[in-house]
């Protein structure tokens, strides 16, 4: 289960990708081992984001 900070960051990243950059989001998943949220986006699936439990985006 994502943390509150991760959900806030996920919302911000999703908003920027879809409404500002007009890029599709293909996959959002949570790694149960590290508890990181991963986002795969972009028309060529070339944008990758990792959101750690404290909400930082890499």
PDB file of N, CA and C in Angstrom:
ATOM      1  N   UNK A   1       0.846  -1.175   0.000  1.00  0.00           N
ATOM      2  CA  UNK A   1       0.000   0.000   0.000  1.00  0.00           C
ATOM      3  C   UNK A   1       0.896   1.244   0.000  1.00  0.00           C
ATOM      4  N   UNK A   2       0.667   2.171  -0.924  1.00  0.00           N
ATOM      5  CA  UNK A   2       1.473   3.399  -0.978  1.00  0.00           C
ATOM      6  C   UNK A   2       1.230   4.296   0.236  1.00  0.00           C
ATOM      7  N   UNK A   3       2.247   5.060   0.587  1.00  0.00           N
ATOM      8  CA  UNK A   3       2.115   6.017   1.679  1.00  0.00           C
ATOM      9  C   UNK A   3       1.355   7.250   1.184  1.00  0.00           C
ATOM     10  N   UNK A   4       0.942   8.094   2.103  1.00  0.00           N
ATOM     11  CA  UNK A   4       0.252   9.327   1.740  1.00  0.00           C
ATOM     12  C   UNK A   4       1.153  10.219   0.892  1.00  0.00           C
ATOM     13  N   UNK A   5       2.423  10.299   1.236  1.00  0.00           N
ATOM     14  CA  UNK A   5       3.373  11.111   0.466  1.00  0.00           C
ATOM     15  C   UNK A   5       3.522  10.563  -0.958  1.00  0.00           C
ATOM     16  N   UNK A   6       3.543   9.244  -1.105  1.00  0.00           N
ATOM     17  CA  UNK A   6       3.641   8.650  -2.435  1.00  0.00           C
ATOM     18  C   UNK A   6       2.399   8.940  -3.267  1.00  0.00           C
ATOM     19  N   UNK A   7       1.234   8.870  -2.661  1.00  0.00           N
ATOM     20  CA  UNK A   7      -0.004   9.156  -3.380  1.00  0.00           C
ATOM     21  C   UNK A   7      -0.059  10.609  -3.836  1.00  0.00           C
ATOM     22  N   UNK A   8       0.401  11.518  -2.991  1.00  0.00           N
ATOM     23  CA  UNK A   8       0.436  12.934  -3.379  1.00  0.00           C
ATOM     24  C   UNK A   8       1.390  13.147  -4.549  1.00  0.00           C
ATOM     25  N   UNK A   9       2.549  12.514  -4.505  1.00  0.00           N
ATOM     26  CA  UNK A   9       3.519  12.629  -5.601  1.00  0.00           C
ATOM     27  C   UNK A   9       2.990  11.969  -6.869  1.00  0.00           C
ATOM     28  N   UNK A  10       2.328  10.827  -6.718  1.00  0.00           N
ATOM     29  CA  UNK A  10       1.757  10.143  -7.872  1.00  0.00           C
ATOM     30  C   UNK A  10       0.703  11.015  -8.544  1.00  0.00           C
ATOM     31  N   UNK A  11      -0.118  11.676  -7.753  1.00  0.00           N
ATOM     32  CA  UNK A  11      -1.132  12.587  -8.317  1.00  0.00           C
ATOM     33  C   UNK A  11      -0.457  13.717  -9.082  1.00  0.00           C
ATOM     34  N   UNK A  12       0.574  14.307  -8.498  1.00  0.00           N
ATOM     35  CA  UNK A  12       1.278  15.424  -9.134  1.00  0.00           C
ATOM     36  C   UNK A  12       1.937  14.983 -10.440  1.00  0.00           C
ATOM     37  N   UNK A  13       2.620  13.839 -10.431  1.00  0.00           N
ATOM     38  CA  UNK A  13       3.280  13.321 -11.629  1.00  0.00           C
ATOM     39  C   UNK A  13       2.239  12.979 -12.699  1.00  0.00           C
ATOM     40  N   UNK A  14       1.157  12.343 -12.303  1.00  0.00           N
ATOM     41  CA  UNK A  14       0.106  11.971 -13.251  1.00  0.00           C
ATOM     42  C   UNK A  14      -0.521  13.198 -13.894  1.00  0.00           C
ATOM     43  N   UNK A  15      -0.769  14.220 -13.100  1.00  0.00           N
ATOM     44  CA  UNK A  15      -1.338  15.458 -13.623  1.00  0.00           C
ATOM     45  C   UNK A  15      -0.395  16.100 -14.636  1.00  0.00           C
ATOM     46  N   UNK A  16       0.878  16.189 -14.283  1.00  0.00           N
ATOM     47  CA  UNK A  16       1.842  16.806 -15.188  1.00  0.00           C
ATOM     48  C   UNK A  16       1.979  16.016 -16.482  1.00  0.00           C
ATOM     49  N   UNK A  17       1.994  14.691 -16.386  1.00  0.00           N
ATOM     50  CA  UNK A  17       2.126  13.864 -17.582  1.00  0.00           C
ATOM     51  C   UNK A  17       0.918  13.986 -18.503  1.00  0.00           C
ATOM     52  N   UNK A  18      -0.285  13.899 -17.952  1.00  0.00           N
ATOM     53  CA  UNK A  18      -1.465  13.824 -18.795  1.00  0.00           C
ATOM     54  C   UNK A  18      -2.006  15.185 -19.228  1.00  0.00           C
ATOM     55  N   UNK A  19      -2.030  16.172 -18.351  1.00  0.00           N
ATOM     56  CA  UNK A  19      -2.656  17.444 -18.694  1.00  0.00           C
ATOM     57  C   UNK A  19      -1.676  18.495 -19.195  1.00  0.00           C
ATOM     58  N   UNK A  20      -0.431  18.428 -18.786  1.00  0.00           N
ATOM     59  CA  UNK A  20       0.543  19.435 -19.207  1.00  0.00           C
ATOM     60  C   UNK A  20       1.389  18.914 -20.366  1.00  0.00           C
ATOM     61  N   UNK A  21       1.937  17.703 -20.222  1.00  0.00           N
ATOM     62  CA  UNK A  21       2.821  17.148 -21.245  1.00  0.00           C
ATOM     63  C   UNK A  21       2.072  16.316 -22.291  1.00  0.00           C
ATOM     64  N   UNK A  22       0.792  16.011 -22.041  1.00  0.00           N
ATOM     65  CA  UNK A  22      -0.049  15.219 -22.944  1.00  0.00           C
ATOM     66  C   UNK A  22       0.577  13.868 -23.291  1.00  0.00           C
ATOM     67  N   UNK A  23       1.103  13.189 -22.271  1.00  0.00           N
ATOM     68  CA  UNK A  23       1.740  11.885 -22.435  1.00  0.00           C
ATOM     69  C   UNK A  23       0.873  10.803 -21.789  1.00  0.00           C
ATOM     70  N   UNK A  24       0.748   9.645 -22.427  1.00  0.00           N
ATOM     71  CA  UNK A  24      -0.029   8.560 -21.830  1.00  0.00           C
ATOM     72  C   UNK A  24       0.744   7.872 -20.699  1.00  0.00           C
ATOM     73  N   UNK A  25       0.000   7.347 -19.745  1.00  0.00           N
ATOM     74  CA  UNK A  25       0.578   6.548 -18.658  1.00  0.00           C
ATOM     75  C   UNK A  25       0.239   5.093 -18.956  1.00  0.00           C
ATOM     76  N   UNK A  26       1.256   4.246 -19.047  1.00  0.00           N
ATOM     77  CA  UNK A  26       1.051   2.849 -19.407  1.00  0.00           C
ATOM     78  C   UNK A  26       0.963   1.924 -18.205  1.00  0.00           C
ATOM     79  N   UNK A  27       1.709   2.238 -17.136  1.00  0.00           N
ATOM     80  CA  UNK A  27       1.773   1.311 -16.018  1.00  0.00           C
ATOM     81  C   UNK A  27       2.068   2.061 -14.729  1.00  0.00           C
ATOM     82  N   UNK A  28       1.353   1.692 -13.672  1.00  0.00           N
ATOM     83  CA  UNK A  28       1.656   2.161 -12.316  1.00  0.00           C
ATOM     84  C   UNK A  28       1.632   0.928 -11.438  1.00  0.00           C
ATOM     85  N   UNK A  29       2.725   0.673 -10.719  1.00  0.00           N
ATOM     86  CA  UNK A  29       2.770  -0.504  -9.853  1.00  0.00           C
ATOM     87  C   UNK A  29       3.595  -0.210  -8.594  1.00  0.00           C
ATOM     88  N   UNK A  30       3.378  -1.044  -7.586  1.00  0.00           N
ATOM     89  CA  UNK A  30       4.090  -0.927  -6.320  1.00  0.00           C
ATOM     90  C   UNK A  30       4.961  -2.167  -6.154  1.00  0.00           C
ATOM     91  N   UNK A  31       6.248  -1.953  -5.891  1.00  0.00           N
ATOM     92  CA  UNK A  31       7.165  -3.055  -5.601  1.00  0.00           C
ATOM     93  C   UNK A  31       6.985  -3.420  -4.125  1.00  0.00           C
ATOM     94  N   UNK A  32       6.520  -4.609  -3.860  1.00  0.00           N
ATOM     95  CA  UNK A  32       6.249  -5.016  -2.479  1.00  0.00           C
ATOM     96  C   UNK A  32       7.510  -5.133  -1.636  1.00  0.00           C
ATOM     97  N   UNK A  33       8.645  -5.380  -2.270  1.00  0.00           N
ATOM     98  CA  UNK A  33       9.903  -5.519  -1.525  1.00  0.00           C
ATOM     99  C   UNK A  33      10.415  -4.159  -1.037  1.00  0.00           C
ATOM    100  N   UNK A  34      10.450  -3.173  -1.942  1.00  0.00           N
ATOM    101  CA  UNK A  34      11.013  -1.864  -1.596  1.00  0.00           C
ATOM    102  C   UNK A  34       9.948  -0.841  -1.230  1.00  0.00           C
ATOM    103  N   UNK A  35       8.669  -1.139  -1.531  1.00  0.00           N
ATOM    104  CA  UNK A  35       7.531  -0.252  -1.316  1.00  0.00           C
ATOM    105  C   UNK A  35       7.618   1.008  -2.177  1.00  0.00           C
ATOM    106  N   UNK A  36       8.379   0.951  -3.278  1.00  0.00           N
ATOM    107  CA  UNK A  36       8.461   2.060  -4.217  1.00  0.00           C
ATOM    108  C   UNK A  36       7.337   1.946  -5.242  1.00  0.00           C
ATOM    109  N   UNK A  37       6.843   3.094  -5.698  1.00  0.00           N
ATOM    110  CA  UNK A  37       5.834   3.153  -6.750  1.00  0.00           C
ATOM    111  C   UNK A  37       6.559   3.458  -8.054  1.00  0.00           C
ATOM    112  N   UNK A  38       6.255   2.693  -9.087  1.00  0.00           N
ATOM    113  CA  UNK A  38       6.878   2.889 -10.396  1.00  0.00           C
ATOM    114  C   UNK A  38       5.828   3.330 -11.396  1.00  0.00           C
ATOM    115  N   UNK A  39       6.206   4.283 -12.255  1.00  0.00           N
ATOM    116  CA  UNK A  39       5.317   4.791 -13.296  1.00  0.00           C
ATOM    117  C   UNK A  39       6.060   4.683 -14.622  1.00  0.00           C
ATOM    118  N   UNK A  40       5.432   4.057 -15.604  1.00  0.00           N
ATOM    119  CA  UNK A  40       5.962   3.965 -16.960  1.00  0.00           C
ATOM    120  C   UNK A  40       5.036   4.768 -17.854  1.00  0.00           C
ATOM    121  N   UNK A  41       5.578   5.765 -18.552  1.00  0.00           N
ATOM    122  CA  UNK A  41       4.749   6.666 -19.341  1.00  0.00           C
ATOM    123  C   UNK A  41       5.460   7.076 -20.620  1.00  0.00           C
ATOM    124  N   UNK A  42       4.758   7.852 -21.422  1.00  0.00           N
ATOM    125  CA  UNK A  42       5.313   8.380 -22.661  1.00  0.00           C
ATOM    126  C   UNK A  42       4.816   7.613 -23.868  1.00  0.00           C
ATOM    127  N   UNK A  43       4.763   8.278 -25.002  1.00  0.00           N
ATOM    128  CA  UNK A  43       4.254   7.630 -26.214  1.00  0.00           C
ATOM    129  C   UNK A  43       5.145   6.472 -26.634  1.00  0.00           C
ATOM    130  N   UNK A  44       6.431   6.536 -26.325  1.00  0.00           N
ATOM    131  CA  UNK A  44       7.339   5.435 -26.619  1.00  0.00           C
ATOM    132  C   UNK A  44       7.727   4.652 -25.387  1.00  0.00           C
ATOM    133  N   UNK A  45       6.957   4.804 -24.317  1.00  0.00           N
ATOM    134  CA  UNK A  45       7.245   4.184 -23.015  1.00  0.00           C
ATOM    135  C   UNK A  45       8.660   4.512 -22.563  1.00  0.00           C
ATOM    136  N   UNK A  46       9.093   5.735 -22.815  1.00  0.00           N
ATOM    137  CA  UNK A  46      10.463   6.132 -22.506  1.00  0.00           C
ATOM    138  C   UNK A  46      10.591   7.000 -21.254  1.00  0.00           C
ATOM    139  N   UNK A  47       9.488   7.252 -20.572  1.00  0.00           N
ATOM    140  CA  UNK A  47       9.526   8.028 -19.333  1.00  0.00           C
ATOM    141  C   UNK A  47       9.294   7.086 -18.155  1.00  0.00           C
ATOM    142  N   UNK A  48      10.235   7.070 -17.235  1.00  0.00           N
ATOM    143  CA  UNK A  48      10.136   6.201 -16.064  1.00  0.00           C
ATOM    144  C   UNK A  48      10.291   7.039 -14.804  1.00  0.00           C
ATOM    145  N   UNK A  49       9.425   6.789 -13.832  1.00  0.00           N
ATOM    146  CA  UNK A  49       9.478   7.503 -12.561  1.00  0.00           C
ATOM    147  C   UNK A  49       9.442   6.487 -11.432  1.00  0.00           C
ATOM    148  N   UNK A  50      10.185   6.776 -10.380  1.00  0.00           N
ATOM    149  CA  UNK A  50      10.200   5.947  -9.178  1.00  0.00           C
ATOM    150  C   UNK A  50       9.897   6.867  -8.009  1.00  0.00           C
ATOM    151  N   UNK A  51       8.865   6.522  -7.235  1.00  0.00           N
ATOM    152  CA  UNK A  51       8.462   7.321  -6.088  1.00  0.00           C
ATOM    153  C   UNK A  51       8.742   6.507  -4.835  1.00  0.00           C
ATOM    154  N   UNK A  52       9.677   6.992  -4.026  1.00  0.00           N
ATOM    155  CA  UNK A  52      10.062   6.287  -2.804  1.00  0.00           C
ATOM    156  C   UNK A  52       9.056   6.589  -1.694  1.00  0.00           C
ATOM    157  N   UNK A  53       9.052   5.816  -0.605  1.00  0.00           N
ATOM    158  CA  UNK A  53       8.057   5.995   0.441  1.00  0.00           C
ATOM    159  C   UNK A  53       7.926   7.394   1.040  1.00  0.00           C
ATOM    160  N   UNK A  54       8.997   8.197   1.023  1.00  0.00           N
ATOM    161  CA  UNK A  54       8.849   9.560   1.577  1.00  0.00           C
ATOM    162  C   UNK A  54       8.300  10.537   0.549  1.00  0.00           C
ATOM    163  N   UNK A  55       7.997  10.070  -0.681  1.00  0.00           N
ATOM    164  CA  UNK A  55       7.367  10.899  -1.684  1.00  0.00           C
ATOM    165  C   UNK A  55       8.301  11.532  -2.699  1.00  0.00           C
ATOM    166  N   UNK A  56       9.609  11.308  -2.553  1.00  0.00           N
ATOM    167  CA  UNK A  56      10.551  11.859  -3.524  1.00  0.00           C
ATOM    168  C   UNK A  56      10.429  11.111  -4.840  1.00  0.00           C
ATOM    169  N   UNK A  57      10.557  11.845  -5.936  1.00  0.00           N
ATOM    170  CA  UNK A  57      10.417  11.263  -7.279  1.00  0.00           C
ATOM    171  C   UNK A  57      11.790  11.221  -7.934  1.00  0.00           C
ATOM    172  N   UNK A  58      12.114  10.056  -8.486  1.00  0.00           N
ATOM    173  CA  UNK A  58      13.372   9.879  -9.217  1.00  0.00           C
ATOM    174  C   UNK A  58      13.062   9.425 -10.617  1.00  0.00           C
TER     175      UNK A  58
END
